[in-house]
Amino acid sequence: MAEDFVDVALLSIERRAAPGADLSDIVSFSVTTAQEQRPVYTMRKVRTARGFRSGARTITGEIEVAVPISGMPVDFEQMHADREEFNMGVVRSDGGVRKTLVDVRISEVQESSNAEGEHTLRVSFVAVDYRSDLPGAAVG
C-alpha cells in the first residue's frame, strides 16, 4: 500500500514594520521543539530523585534558501542586525494545514556556495510559540 507524503511547504514572513513576503526557493526547513526534564532531588536517606520538573519549552529552527539572481525578497541579515521580531507562517500541501511561528528572532545567518555554483543562505531562528491555525485563517 502506497503512502502519501507532504511534498511542498510554503513559508511566508509577516513583518510588523515592513511588508511580508513569501519564500519559494526553500532548500530545507526544520523546527525543533524541546522541553527540558530535570530530576528533583530531596534530602531523603535513599539519595534518589523524587520526581521530575519541566523546564521552559524552547523552539528553534533553521531555513535554507537558494538565493535567486534577482536577490532575496527578505533581507535576513538586516532583520538579524535590527533584532526584528516577526511571525512565520508554514503551509503544507497536505490539505492546507497551517502552522505559525510566533515572535521569531533570527539568531544566525550563514551564506554558503557549493561546487555546482548554487548560493544558499541558512537562517537559524528562535521563536516564542509554534501553533496550529485553522485552514484559511488569517494570522495577526
Foldseek 3Di string as FASTA:
>chain_A
DDDDDFDDKKKKWPFDPDHIDIADQWPDKDKDKDKDKDFDFDPDPVRDGPGIDIHDIWMKMKTKGWADPVGDPDDLVVQQVVQGFIKMWMFIPPVGWIKIFGRKGWDDWDWDADPVGTIMIMTMIIGDDIGTDDRPDDDD
